Amino acid sequence: MITVRLIETRPDGQQITHDVQARPGESVMHAAINAGVQGIAADCGGMLTCATCHVRVREPWASQLQAAADDERSMLEFTAAPRTAGSRLSCQLELKPALDGLVADLPETQY
């Protein structure tokens, strides 16, 4: 299993950490949904037609990911929360053993 750490910052500044277990080949989005993480809406179910699974991947993990394809870069233009250098759509992040321990921040909103 691969562990992904998703960090949610509540409006009061409190940080909640979600350690999610995933299988190789599973997307970060599916792993988060299966674990009941509320900060990823995933309205389109991973079909790359919305931007409600936005995450901000921290280094050193962000630089280890495959570059975003044109479709993903286009959809990132529609995120509700401001984008950062590590912004990605979690539906497009396929997990592999080398990504065990990946850390990403959940944006303050997906809408």
PDB file of N, CA and C in Angstrom:
ATOM      1  N   MET A   1       0.838  -1.189   0.000  1.00  0.00           N
ATOM      2  CA  MET A   1       0.000   0.000   0.000  1.00  0.00           C
ATOM      3  C   MET A   1       0.885   1.256   0.000  1.00  0.00           C
ATOM      4  N   ILE A   2       0.318   2.300  -0.540  1.00  0.00           N
ATOM      5  CA  ILE A   2       0.977   3.596  -0.625  1.00  0.00           C
ATOM      6  C   ILE A   2       0.245   4.553   0.313  1.00  0.00           C
ATOM      7  N   THR A   3       0.985   5.317   1.079  1.00  0.00           N
ATOM      8  CA  THR A   3       0.383   6.297   1.980  1.00  0.00           C
ATOM      9  C   THR A   3       0.480   7.683   1.359  1.00  0.00           C
ATOM     10  N   VAL A   4      -0.645   8.383   1.356  1.00  0.00           N
ATOM     11  CA  VAL A   4      -0.728   9.765   0.902  1.00  0.00           C
ATOM     12  C   VAL A   4      -1.213  10.588   2.090  1.00  0.00           C
ATOM     13  N   ARG A   5      -0.547  11.696   2.350  1.00  0.00           N
ATOM     14  CA  ARG A   5      -0.956  12.585   3.443  1.00  0.00           C
ATOM     15  C   ARG A   5      -1.597  13.829   2.841  1.00  0.00           C
ATOM     16  N   LEU A   6      -2.867  14.030   3.149  1.00  0.00           N
ATOM     17  CA  LEU A   6      -3.613  15.203   2.697  1.00  0.00           C
ATOM     18  C   LEU A   6      -3.843  16.103   3.894  1.00  0.00           C
ATOM     19  N   ILE A   7      -3.469  17.368   3.750  1.00  0.00           N
ATOM     20  CA  ILE A   7      -3.557  18.300   4.863  1.00  0.00           C
ATOM     21  C   ILE A   7      -4.636  19.335   4.574  1.00  0.00           C
ATOM     22  N   GLU A   8      -5.594  19.375   5.461  1.00  0.00           N
ATOM     23  CA  GLU A   8      -6.727  20.299   5.368  1.00  0.00           C
ATOM     24  C   GLU A   8      -6.531  21.399   6.403  1.00  0.00           C
ATOM     25  N   THR A   9      -6.628  22.644   5.972  1.00  0.00           N
ATOM     26  CA  THR A   9      -6.548  23.768   6.904  1.00  0.00           C
ATOM     27  C   THR A   9      -7.941  24.369   7.032  1.00  0.00           C
ATOM     28  N   ARG A  10      -8.470  24.305   8.217  1.00  0.00           N
ATOM     29  CA  ARG A  10      -9.815  24.815   8.485  1.00  0.00           C
ATOM     30  C   ARG A  10      -9.785  26.336   8.567  1.00  0.00           C
ATOM     31  N   PRO A  11     -10.955  26.984   8.432  1.00  0.00           N
ATOM     32  CA  PRO A  11     -11.009  28.455   8.491  1.00  0.00           C
ATOM     33  C   PRO A  11     -10.400  29.052   9.762  1.00  0.00           C
ATOM     34  N   ASP A  12     -10.435  28.297  10.865  1.00  0.00           N
ATOM     35  CA  ASP A  12      -9.859  28.806  12.120  1.00  0.00           C
ATOM     36  C   ASP A  12      -8.351  28.580  12.205  1.00  0.00           C
ATOM     37  N   GLY A  13      -7.764  28.023  11.130  1.00  0.00           N
ATOM     38  CA  GLY A  13      -6.326  27.784  11.085  1.00  0.00           C
ATOM     39  C   GLY A  13      -5.897  26.407  11.551  1.00  0.00           C
ATOM     40  N   GLN A  14      -6.807  25.656  12.130  1.00  0.00           N
ATOM     41  CA  GLN A  14      -6.493  24.302  12.592  1.00  0.00           C
ATOM     42  C   GLN A  14      -6.199  23.408  11.393  1.00  0.00           C
ATOM     43  N   GLN A  15      -5.128  22.618  11.489  1.00  0.00           N
ATOM     44  CA  GLN A  15      -4.794  21.688  10.419  1.00  0.00           C
ATOM     45  C   GLN A  15      -5.222  20.279  10.802  1.00  0.00           C
ATOM     46  N   ILE A  16      -5.881  19.625   9.860  1.00  0.00           N
ATOM     47  CA  ILE A  16      -6.317  18.244  10.017  1.00  0.00           C
ATOM     48  C   ILE A  16      -5.539  17.424   8.998  1.00  0.00           C
ATOM     49  N   THR A  17      -4.917  16.361   9.458  1.00  0.00           N
ATOM     50  CA  THR A  17      -4.142  15.500   8.573  1.00  0.00           C
ATOM     51  C   THR A  17      -4.923  14.224   8.283  1.00  0.00           C
ATOM     52  N   HIS A  18      -5.024  13.904   7.004  1.00  0.00           N
ATOM     53  CA  HIS A  18      -5.682  12.676   6.567  1.00  0.00           C
ATOM     54  C   HIS A  18      -4.612  11.783   5.948  1.00  0.00           C
ATOM     55  N   ASP A  19      -4.278  10.678   6.602  1.00  0.00           N
ATOM     56  CA  ASP A  19      -3.361   9.707   6.021  1.00  0.00           C
ATOM     57  C   ASP A  19      -4.205   8.658   5.320  1.00  0.00           C
ATOM     58  N   VAL A  20      -4.049   8.587   4.007  1.00  0.00           N
ATOM     59  CA  VAL A  20      -4.885   7.758   3.152  1.00  0.00           C
ATOM     60  C   VAL A  20      -4.038   6.621   2.587  1.00  0.00           C
ATOM     61  N   GLN A  21      -4.591   5.431   2.591  1.00  0.00           N
ATOM     62  CA  GLN A  21      -3.916   4.268   2.015  1.00  0.00           C
ATOM     63  C   GLN A  21      -4.449   4.032   0.609  1.00  0.00           C
ATOM     64  N   ALA A  22      -3.548   3.747  -0.315  1.00  0.00           N
ATOM     65  CA  ALA A  22      -3.946   3.548  -1.715  1.00  0.00           C
ATOM     66  C   ALA A  22      -3.171   2.386  -2.322  1.00  0.00           C
ATOM     67  N   ARG A  23      -3.737   1.847  -3.371  1.00  0.00           N
ATOM     68  CA  ARG A  23      -3.085   0.788  -4.125  1.00  0.00           C
ATOM     69  C   ARG A  23      -2.298   1.402  -5.280  1.00  0.00           C
ATOM     70  N   PRO A  24      -1.197   0.782  -5.684  1.00  0.00           N
ATOM     71  CA  PRO A  24      -0.493   1.274  -6.871  1.00  0.00           C
ATOM     72  C   PRO A  24      -1.454   1.319  -8.058  1.00  0.00           C
ATOM     73  N   GLY A  25      -1.377   2.397  -8.822  1.00  0.00           N
ATOM     74  CA  GLY A  25      -2.253   2.573  -9.971  1.00  0.00           C
ATOM     75  C   GLY A  25      -3.514   3.353  -9.659  1.00  0.00           C
ATOM     76  N   GLU A  26      -3.844   3.513  -8.389  1.00  0.00           N
ATOM     77  CA  GLU A  26      -5.026   4.269  -7.986  1.00  0.00           C
ATOM     78  C   GLU A  26      -4.694   5.763  -8.022  1.00  0.00           C
ATOM     79  N   SER A  27      -5.675   6.591  -8.325  1.00  0.00           N
ATOM     80  CA  SER A  27      -5.433   8.031  -8.321  1.00  0.00           C
ATOM     81  C   SER A  27      -5.539   8.562  -6.890  1.00  0.00           C
ATOM     82  N   VAL A  28      -4.893   9.686  -6.649  1.00  0.00           N
ATOM     83  CA  VAL A  28      -5.007  10.340  -5.352  1.00  0.00           C
ATOM     84  C   VAL A  28      -6.476  10.654  -5.070  1.00  0.00           C
ATOM     85  N   MET A  29      -7.207  11.095  -6.101  1.00  0.00           N
ATOM     86  CA  MET A  29      -8.619  11.429  -5.935  1.00  0.00           C
ATOM     87  C   MET A  29      -9.422  10.225  -5.454  1.00  0.00           C
ATOM     88  N   HIS A  30      -9.285   9.087  -6.123  1.00  0.00           N
ATOM     89  CA  HIS A  30     -10.049   7.903  -5.719  1.00  0.00           C
ATOM     90  C   HIS A  30      -9.671   7.446  -4.320  1.00  0.00           C
ATOM     91  N   ALA A  31      -8.389   7.497  -3.991  1.00  0.00           N
ATOM     92  CA  ALA A  31      -7.957   7.102  -2.651  1.00  0.00           C
ATOM     93  C   ALA A  31      -8.591   8.008  -1.598  1.00  0.00           C
ATOM     94  N   ALA A  32      -8.634   9.312  -1.871  1.00  0.00           N
ATOM     95  CA  ALA A  32      -9.220  10.265  -0.922  1.00  0.00           C
ATOM     96  C   ALA A  32     -10.721  10.033  -0.764  1.00  0.00           C
ATOM     97  N   ILE A  33     -11.404   9.843  -1.865  1.00  0.00           N
ATOM     98  CA  ILE A  33     -12.852   9.602  -1.807  1.00  0.00           C
ATOM     99  C   ILE A  33     -13.152   8.311  -1.055  1.00  0.00           C
ATOM    100  N   ASN A  34     -12.396   7.257  -1.361  1.00  0.00           N
ATOM    101  CA  ASN A  34     -12.604   5.970  -0.688  1.00  0.00           C
ATOM    102  C   ASN A  34     -12.360   6.069   0.814  1.00  0.00           C
ATOM    103  N   ALA A  35     -11.496   7.010   1.217  1.00  0.00           N
ATOM    104  CA  ALA A  35     -11.196   7.193   2.641  1.00  0.00           C
ATOM    105  C   ALA A  35     -12.129   8.199   3.304  1.00  0.00           C
ATOM    106  N   GLY A  36     -13.050   8.793   2.536  1.00  0.00           N
ATOM    107  CA  GLY A  36     -14.011   9.726   3.103  1.00  0.00           C
ATOM    108  C   GLY A  36     -13.478  11.131   3.351  1.00  0.00           C
ATOM    109  N   VAL A  37     -12.401  11.502   2.672  1.00  0.00           N
ATOM    110  CA  VAL A  37     -11.856  12.854   2.824  1.00  0.00           C
ATOM    111  C   VAL A  37     -12.831  13.836   2.188  1.00  0.00           C
ATOM    112  N   GLN A  38     -13.255  14.828   2.958  1.00  0.00           N
ATOM    113  CA  GLN A  38     -14.271  15.776   2.505  1.00  0.00           C
ATOM    114  C   GLN A  38     -13.729  16.892   1.625  1.00  0.00           C
ATOM    115  N   GLY A  39     -12.445  17.180   1.651  1.00  0.00           N
ATOM    116  CA  GLY A  39     -11.885  18.320   0.941  1.00  0.00           C
ATOM    117  C   GLY A  39     -11.716  18.145  -0.549  1.00  0.00           C
ATOM    118  N   ILE A  40     -12.021  16.968  -1.068  1.00  0.00           N
ATOM    119  CA  ILE A  40     -11.965  16.714  -2.509  1.00  0.00           C
ATOM    120  C   ILE A  40     -13.378  16.369  -2.951  1.00  0.00           C
ATOM    121  N   ALA A  41     -13.978  17.249  -3.766  1.00  0.00           N
ATOM    122  CA  ALA A  41     -15.361  17.042  -4.188  1.00  0.00           C
ATOM    123  C   ALA A  41     -15.464  16.045  -5.336  1.00  0.00           C
ATOM    124  N   ALA A  42     -14.588  16.167  -6.336  1.00  0.00           N
ATOM    125  CA  ALA A  42     -14.552  15.237  -7.468  1.00  0.00           C
ATOM    126  C   ALA A  42     -15.911  15.099  -8.146  1.00  0.00           C
ATOM    127  N   ASP A  43     -16.522  16.221  -8.463  1.00  0.00           N
ATOM    128  CA  ASP A  43     -17.858  16.212  -9.063  1.00  0.00           C
ATOM    129  C   ASP A  43     -17.954  15.377 -10.334  1.00  0.00           C
ATOM    130  N   CYS A  44     -16.919  15.350 -11.146  1.00  0.00           N
ATOM    131  CA  CYS A  44     -16.987  14.614 -12.413  1.00  0.00           C
ATOM    132  C   CYS A  44     -16.514  13.172 -12.274  1.00  0.00           C
ATOM    133  N   GLY A  45     -16.118  12.768 -11.083  1.00  0.00           N
ATOM    134  CA  GLY A  45     -15.703  11.389 -10.865  1.00  0.00           C
ATOM    135  C   GLY A  45     -14.376  11.025 -11.504  1.00  0.00           C
ATOM    136  N   GLY A  46     -13.574  12.005 -11.814  1.00  0.00           N
ATOM    137  CA  GLY A  46     -12.258  11.726 -12.389  1.00  0.00           C
ATOM    138  C   GLY A  46     -12.227  11.749 -13.902  1.00  0.00           C
ATOM    139  N   MET A  47     -13.219  12.337 -14.520  1.00  0.00           N
ATOM    140  CA  MET A  47     -13.304  12.376 -15.992  1.00  0.00           C
ATOM    141  C   MET A  47     -12.597  13.594 -16.595  1.00  0.00           C
ATOM    142  N   LEU A  48     -11.953  14.402 -15.761  1.00  0.00           N
ATOM    143  CA  LEU A  48     -11.202  15.584 -16.203  1.00  0.00           C
ATOM    144  C   LEU A  48     -12.113  16.618 -16.861  1.00  0.00           C
ATOM    145  N   THR A  49     -13.308  16.790 -16.277  1.00  0.00           N
ATOM    146  CA  THR A  49     -14.242  17.793 -16.807  1.00  0.00           C
ATOM    147  C   THR A  49     -14.635  18.815 -15.753  1.00  0.00           C
ATOM    148  N   CYS A  50     -13.962  18.804 -14.617  1.00  0.00           N
ATOM    149  CA  CYS A  50     -14.182  19.810 -13.588  1.00  0.00           C
ATOM    150  C   CYS A  50     -12.834  20.052 -12.921  1.00  0.00           C
ATOM    151  N   ALA A  51     -12.809  20.904 -11.959  1.00  0.00           N
ATOM    152  CA  ALA A  51     -11.555  21.159 -11.244  1.00  0.00           C
ATOM    153  C   ALA A  51     -11.776  21.050  -9.744  1.00  0.00           C
ATOM    154  N   THR A  52     -12.694  20.164  -9.334  1.00  0.00           N
ATOM    155  CA  THR A  52     -13.058  20.062  -7.925  1.00  0.00           C
ATOM    156  C   THR A  52     -12.282  18.978  -7.180  1.00  0.00           C
ATOM    157  N   CYS A  53     -11.160  18.573  -7.743  1.00  0.00           N
ATOM    158  CA  CYS A  53     -10.261  17.650  -7.035  1.00  0.00           C
ATOM    159  C   CYS A  53      -8.864  18.265  -6.936  1.00  0.00           C
ATOM    160  N   HIS A  54      -8.827  19.589  -6.970  1.00  0.00           N
ATOM    161  CA  HIS A  54      -7.593  20.361  -6.892  1.00  0.00           C
ATOM    162  C   HIS A  54      -6.848  20.069  -5.586  1.00  0.00           C
ATOM    163  N   VAL A  55      -5.559  19.816  -5.686  1.00  0.00           N
ATOM    164  CA  VAL A  55      -4.672  19.702  -4.526  1.00  0.00           C
ATOM    165  C   VAL A  55      -3.404  20.486  -4.839  1.00  0.00           C
ATOM    166  N   ARG A  56      -2.660  20.783  -3.795  1.00  0.00           N
ATOM    167  CA  ARG A  56      -1.367  21.463  -3.949  1.00  0.00           C
ATOM    168  C   ARG A  56      -0.297  20.524  -3.409  1.00  0.00           C
ATOM    169  N   VAL A  57       0.414  19.875  -4.323  1.00  0.00           N
ATOM    170  CA  VAL A  57       1.411  18.873  -3.959  1.00  0.00           C
ATOM    171  C   VAL A  57       2.675  19.575  -3.464  1.00  0.00           C
ATOM    172  N   ARG A  58       3.152  19.144  -2.321  1.00  0.00           N
ATOM    173  CA  ARG A  58       4.367  19.714  -1.736  1.00  0.00           C
ATOM    174  C   ARG A  58       5.615  19.078  -2.351  1.00  0.00           C
ATOM    175  N   GLU A  59       6.696  19.827  -2.278  1.00  0.00           N
ATOM    176  CA  GLU A  59       8.002  19.276  -2.638  1.00  0.00           C
ATOM    177  C   GLU A  59       8.468  18.384  -1.511  1.00  0.00           C
ATOM    178  N   PRO A  60       9.260  17.379  -1.783  1.00  0.00           N
ATOM    179  CA  PRO A  60       9.883  17.063  -3.065  1.00  0.00           C
ATOM    180  C   PRO A  60       8.991  16.276  -4.016  1.00  0.00           C
ATOM    181  N   TRP A  61       7.750  16.051  -3.612  1.00  0.00           N
ATOM    182  CA  TRP A  61       6.859  15.192  -4.397  1.00  0.00           C
ATOM    183  C   TRP A  61       6.449  15.827  -5.715  1.00  0.00           C
ATOM    184  N   ALA A  62       6.166  17.122  -5.717  1.00  0.00           N
ATOM    185  CA  ALA A  62       5.679  17.786  -6.932  1.00  0.00           C
ATOM    186  C   ALA A  62       6.651  17.602  -8.093  1.00  0.00           C
ATOM    187  N   SER A  63       7.928  17.703  -7.833  1.00  0.00           N
ATOM    188  CA  SER A  63       8.912  17.573  -8.914  1.00  0.00           C
ATOM    189  C   SER A  63       9.107  16.129  -9.361  1.00  0.00           C
ATOM    190  N   GLN A  64       8.579  15.176  -8.616  1.00  0.00           N
ATOM    191  CA  GLN A  64       8.684  13.766  -8.991  1.00  0.00           C
ATOM    192  C   GLN A  64       7.510  13.296  -9.853  1.00  0.00           C
ATOM    193  N   LEU A  65       6.481  14.129  -9.946  1.00  0.00           N
ATOM    194  CA  LEU A  65       5.301  13.750 -10.722  1.00  0.00           C
ATOM    195  C   LEU A  65       5.540  13.956 -12.211  1.00  0.00           C
ATOM    196  N   GLN A  66       4.843  13.164 -13.001  1.00  0.00           N
ATOM    197  CA  GLN A  66       4.851  13.389 -14.439  1.00  0.00           C
ATOM    198  C   GLN A  66       4.212  14.751 -14.702  1.00  0.00           C
ATOM    199  N   ALA A  67       4.719  15.466 -15.662  1.00  0.00           N
ATOM    200  CA  ALA A  67       4.178  16.795 -15.972  1.00  0.00           C
ATOM    201  C   ALA A  67       2.698  16.695 -16.326  1.00  0.00           C
ATOM    202  N   ALA A  68       1.969  17.730 -15.989  1.00  0.00           N
ATOM    203  CA  ALA A  68       0.538  17.777 -16.312  1.00  0.00           C
ATOM    204  C   ALA A  68       0.358  17.831 -17.823  1.00  0.00           C
ATOM    205  N   ALA A  69      -0.598  17.060 -18.306  1.00  0.00           N
ATOM    206  CA  ALA A  69      -0.935  17.069 -19.737  1.00  0.00           C
ATOM    207  C   ALA A  69      -1.709  18.348 -20.055  1.00  0.00           C
ATOM    208  N   ASP A  70      -1.846  18.653 -21.339  1.00  0.00           N
ATOM    209  CA  ASP A  70      -2.555  19.857 -21.769  1.00  0.00           C
ATOM    210  C   ASP A  70      -3.966  19.934 -21.201  1.00  0.00           C
ATOM    211  N   ASP A  71      -4.688  18.798 -21.182  1.00  0.00           N
ATOM    212  CA  ASP A  71      -6.061  18.782 -20.659  1.00  0.00           C
ATOM    213  C   ASP A  71      -6.094  19.198 -19.188  1.00  0.00           C
ATOM    214  N   GLU A  72      -5.169  18.655 -18.415  1.00  0.00           N
ATOM    215  CA  GLU A  72      -5.133  18.997 -16.987  1.00  0.00           C
ATOM    216  C   GLU A  72      -4.762  20.466 -16.806  1.00  0.00           C
ATOM    217  N   ARG A  73      -3.771  20.942 -17.518  1.00  0.00           N
ATOM    218  CA  ARG A  73      -3.386  22.354 -17.409  1.00  0.00           C
ATOM    219  C   ARG A  73      -4.562  23.262 -17.754  1.00  0.00           C
ATOM    220  N   SER A  74      -5.342  22.885 -18.755  1.00  0.00           N
ATOM    221  CA  SER A  74      -6.519  23.687 -19.119  1.00  0.00           C
ATOM    222  C   SER A  74      -7.544  23.704 -17.990  1.00  0.00           C
ATOM    223  N   MET A  75      -7.819  22.552 -17.393  1.00  0.00           N
ATOM    224  CA  MET A  75      -8.800  22.486 -16.310  1.00  0.00           C
ATOM    225  C   MET A  75      -8.322  23.214 -15.061  1.00  0.00           C
ATOM    226  N   LEU A  76      -7.014  23.269 -14.841  1.00  0.00           N
ATOM    227  CA  LEU A  76      -6.493  23.987 -13.683  1.00  0.00           C
ATOM    228  C   LEU A  76      -6.804  25.482 -13.740  1.00  0.00           C
ATOM    229  N   GLU A  77      -7.168  25.974 -14.918  1.00  0.00           N
ATOM    230  CA  GLU A  77      -7.574  27.373 -15.051  1.00  0.00           C
ATOM    231  C   GLU A  77      -8.894  27.646 -14.333  1.00  0.00           C
ATOM    232  N   PHE A  78      -9.632  26.595 -13.988  1.00  0.00           N
ATOM    233  CA  PHE A  78     -10.962  26.745 -13.402  1.00  0.00           C
ATOM    234  C   PHE A  78     -11.013  26.413 -11.914  1.00  0.00           C
ATOM    235  N   THR A  79      -9.873  26.309 -11.251  1.00  0.00           N
ATOM    236  CA  THR A  79      -9.915  26.018  -9.812  1.00  0.00           C
ATOM    237  C   THR A  79     -10.533  27.182  -9.052  1.00  0.00           C
ATOM    238  N   ALA A  80     -11.285  26.865  -8.011  1.00  0.00           N
ATOM    239  CA  ALA A  80     -11.937  27.899  -7.203  1.00  0.00           C
ATOM    240  C   ALA A  80     -10.937  28.617  -6.303  1.00  0.00           C
ATOM    241  N   ALA A  81      -9.967  27.868  -5.794  1.00  0.00           N
ATOM    242  CA  ALA A  81      -8.930  28.449  -4.938  1.00  0.00           C
ATOM    243  C   ALA A  81      -7.718  28.789  -5.797  1.00  0.00           C
ATOM    244  N   PRO A  82      -6.960  29.791  -5.406  1.00  0.00           N
ATOM    245  CA  PRO A  82      -5.785  30.162  -6.191  1.00  0.00           C
ATOM    246  C   PRO A  82      -4.827  28.987  -6.400  1.00  0.00           C
ATOM    247  N   ARG A  83      -4.276  28.953  -7.593  1.00  0.00           N
ATOM    248  CA  ARG A  83      -3.296  27.909  -7.930  1.00  0.00           C
ATOM    249  C   ARG A  83      -1.922  28.286  -7.391  1.00  0.00           C
ATOM    250  N   THR A  84      -1.115  27.265  -7.175  1.00  0.00           N
ATOM    251  CA  THR A  84       0.282  27.457  -6.795  1.00  0.00           C
ATOM    252  C   THR A  84       1.133  26.613  -7.739  1.00  0.00           C
ATOM    253  N   ALA A  85       2.437  26.677  -7.576  1.00  0.00           N
ATOM    254  CA  ALA A  85       3.332  25.892  -8.427  1.00  0.00           C
ATOM    255  C   ALA A  85       3.033  24.393  -8.316  1.00  0.00           C
ATOM    256  N   GLY A  86       2.577  23.937  -7.153  1.00  0.00           N
ATOM    257  CA  GLY A  86       2.300  22.513  -6.956  1.00  0.00           C
ATOM    258  C   GLY A  86       0.868  22.105  -7.250  1.00  0.00           C
ATOM    259  N   SER A  87       0.059  23.012  -7.794  1.00  0.00           N
ATOM    260  CA  SER A  87      -1.350  22.694  -8.054  1.00  0.00           C
ATOM    261  C   SER A  87      -1.489  21.609  -9.112  1.00  0.00           C
ATOM    262  N   ARG A  88      -2.300  20.615  -8.766  1.00  0.00           N
ATOM    263  CA  ARG A  88      -2.608  19.519  -9.691  1.00  0.00           C
ATOM    264  C   ARG A  88      -4.046  19.079  -9.448  1.00  0.00           C
ATOM    265  N   LEU A  89      -4.582  18.359 -10.415  1.00  0.00           N
ATOM    266  CA  LEU A  89      -5.881  17.710 -10.234  1.00  0.00           C
ATOM    267  C   LEU A  89      -5.588  16.299  -9.741  1.00  0.00           C
ATOM    268  N   SER A  90      -6.128  15.971  -8.583  1.00  0.00           N
ATOM    269  CA  SER A  90      -5.787  14.687  -7.963  1.00  0.00           C
ATOM    270  C   SER A  90      -6.279  13.494  -8.767  1.00  0.00           C
ATOM    271  N   CYS A  91      -7.249  13.696  -9.651  1.00  0.00           N
ATOM    272  CA  CYS A  91      -7.713  12.593 -10.500  1.00  0.00           C
ATOM    273  C   CYS A  91      -6.641  12.184 -11.510  1.00  0.00           C
ATOM    274  N   GLN A  92      -5.684  13.047 -11.764  1.00  0.00           N
ATOM    275  CA  GLN A  92      -4.643  12.786 -12.747  1.00  0.00           C
ATOM    276  C   GLN A  92      -3.342  12.304 -12.119  1.00  0.00           C
ATOM    277  N   LEU A  93      -3.329  12.135 -10.813  1.00  0.00           N
ATOM    278  CA  LEU A  93      -2.122  11.711 -10.108  1.00  0.00           C
ATOM    279  C   LEU A  93      -2.208  10.227  -9.794  1.00  0.00           C
ATOM    280  N   GLU A  94      -1.630   9.436 -10.671  1.00  0.00           N
ATOM    281  CA  GLU A  94      -1.627   7.978 -10.486  1.00  0.00           C
ATOM    282  C   GLU A  94      -0.488   7.606  -9.543  1.00  0.00           C
ATOM    283  N   LEU A  95      -0.833   6.879  -8.512  1.00  0.00           N
ATOM    284  CA  LEU A  95       0.144   6.536  -7.485  1.00  0.00           C
ATOM    285  C   LEU A  95       0.978   5.320  -7.866  1.00  0.00           C
ATOM    286  N   LYS A  96       2.247   5.401  -7.514  1.00  0.00           N
ATOM    287  CA  LYS A  96       3.193   4.306  -7.695  1.00  0.00           C
ATOM    288  C   LYS A  96       4.041   4.240  -6.436  1.00  0.00           C
ATOM    289  N   PRO A  97       4.698   3.117  -6.183  1.00  0.00           N
ATOM    290  CA  PRO A  97       5.452   2.975  -4.933  1.00  0.00           C
ATOM    291  C   PRO A  97       6.450   4.105  -4.660  1.00  0.00           C
ATOM    292  N   ALA A  98       7.048   4.669  -5.683  1.00  0.00           N
ATOM    293  CA  ALA A  98       8.008   5.760  -5.483  1.00  0.00           C
ATOM    294  C   ALA A  98       7.355   7.003  -4.884  1.00  0.00           C
ATOM    295  N   LEU A  99       6.035   7.093  -4.940  1.00  0.00           N
ATOM    296  CA  LEU A  99       5.319   8.246  -4.397  1.00  0.00           C
ATOM    297  C   LEU A  99       4.796   7.998  -2.982  1.00  0.00           C
ATOM    298  N   ASP A 100       5.193   6.875  -2.373  1.00  0.00           N
ATOM    299  CA  ASP A 100       4.765   6.582  -1.005  1.00  0.00           C
ATOM    300  C   ASP A 100       5.189   7.723  -0.089  1.00  0.00           C
ATOM    301  N   GLY A 101       4.250   8.273   0.634  1.00  0.00           N
ATOM    302  CA  GLY A 101       4.521   9.387   1.528  1.00  0.00           C
ATOM    303  C   GLY A 101       4.192  10.745   0.942  1.00  0.00           C
ATOM    304  N   LEU A 102       3.674  10.788  -0.293  1.00  0.00           N
ATOM    305  CA  LEU A 102       3.322  12.047  -0.942  1.00  0.00           C
ATOM    306  C   LEU A 102       2.483  12.905  -0.009  1.00  0.00           C
ATOM    307  N   VAL A 103       2.787  14.207   0.027  1.00  0.00           N
ATOM    308  CA  VAL A 103       2.060  15.149   0.873  1.00  0.00           C
ATOM    309  C   VAL A 103       1.457  16.228  -0.018  1.00  0.00           C
ATOM    310  N   ALA A 104       0.164  16.493   0.190  1.00  0.00           N
ATOM    311  CA  ALA A 104      -0.526  17.541  -0.560  1.00  0.00           C
ATOM    312  C   ALA A 104      -1.470  18.292   0.363  1.00  0.00           C
ATOM    313  N   ASP A 105      -1.596  19.579   0.090  1.00  0.00           N
ATOM    314  CA  ASP A 105      -2.537  20.417   0.819  1.00  0.00           C
ATOM    315  C   ASP A 105      -3.846  20.493   0.054  1.00  0.00           C
ATOM    316  N   LEU A 106      -4.940  20.444   0.798  1.00  0.00           N
ATOM    317  CA  LEU A 106      -6.258  20.644   0.201  1.00  0.00           C
ATOM    318  C   LEU A 106      -6.538  22.134   0.165  1.00  0.00           C
ATOM    319  N   PRO A 107      -7.061  22.649  -0.931  1.00  0.00           N
ATOM    320  CA  PRO A 107      -7.357  24.090  -0.968  1.00  0.00           C
ATOM    321  C   PRO A 107      -8.513  24.406  -0.029  1.00  0.00           C
ATOM    322  N   GLU A 108      -8.654  25.693   0.275  1.00  0.00           N
ATOM    323  CA  GLU A 108      -9.702  26.114   1.198  1.00  0.00           C
ATOM    324  C   GLU A 108     -11.106  25.877   0.657  1.00  0.00           C
ATOM    325  N   THR A 109     -11.244  25.769  -0.665  1.00  0.00           N
ATOM    326  CA  THR A 109     -12.537  25.477  -1.271  1.00  0.00           C
ATOM    327  C   THR A 109     -12.340  24.817  -2.627  1.00  0.00           C
ATOM    328  N   GLN A 110     -13.332  24.044  -3.048  1.00  0.00           N
ATOM    329  CA  GLN A 110     -13.338  23.475  -4.396  1.00  0.00           C
ATOM    330  C   GLN A 110     -14.395  24.166  -5.254  1.00  0.00           C
ATOM    331  N   TYR A 111     -15.172  25.070  -4.650  1.00  0.00           N
ATOM    332  CA  TYR A 111     -16.253  25.762  -5.366  1.00  0.00           C
ATOM    333  C   TYR A 111     -16.086  27.261  -5.292  1.00  0.00           C
TER     334      TYR A 111
END
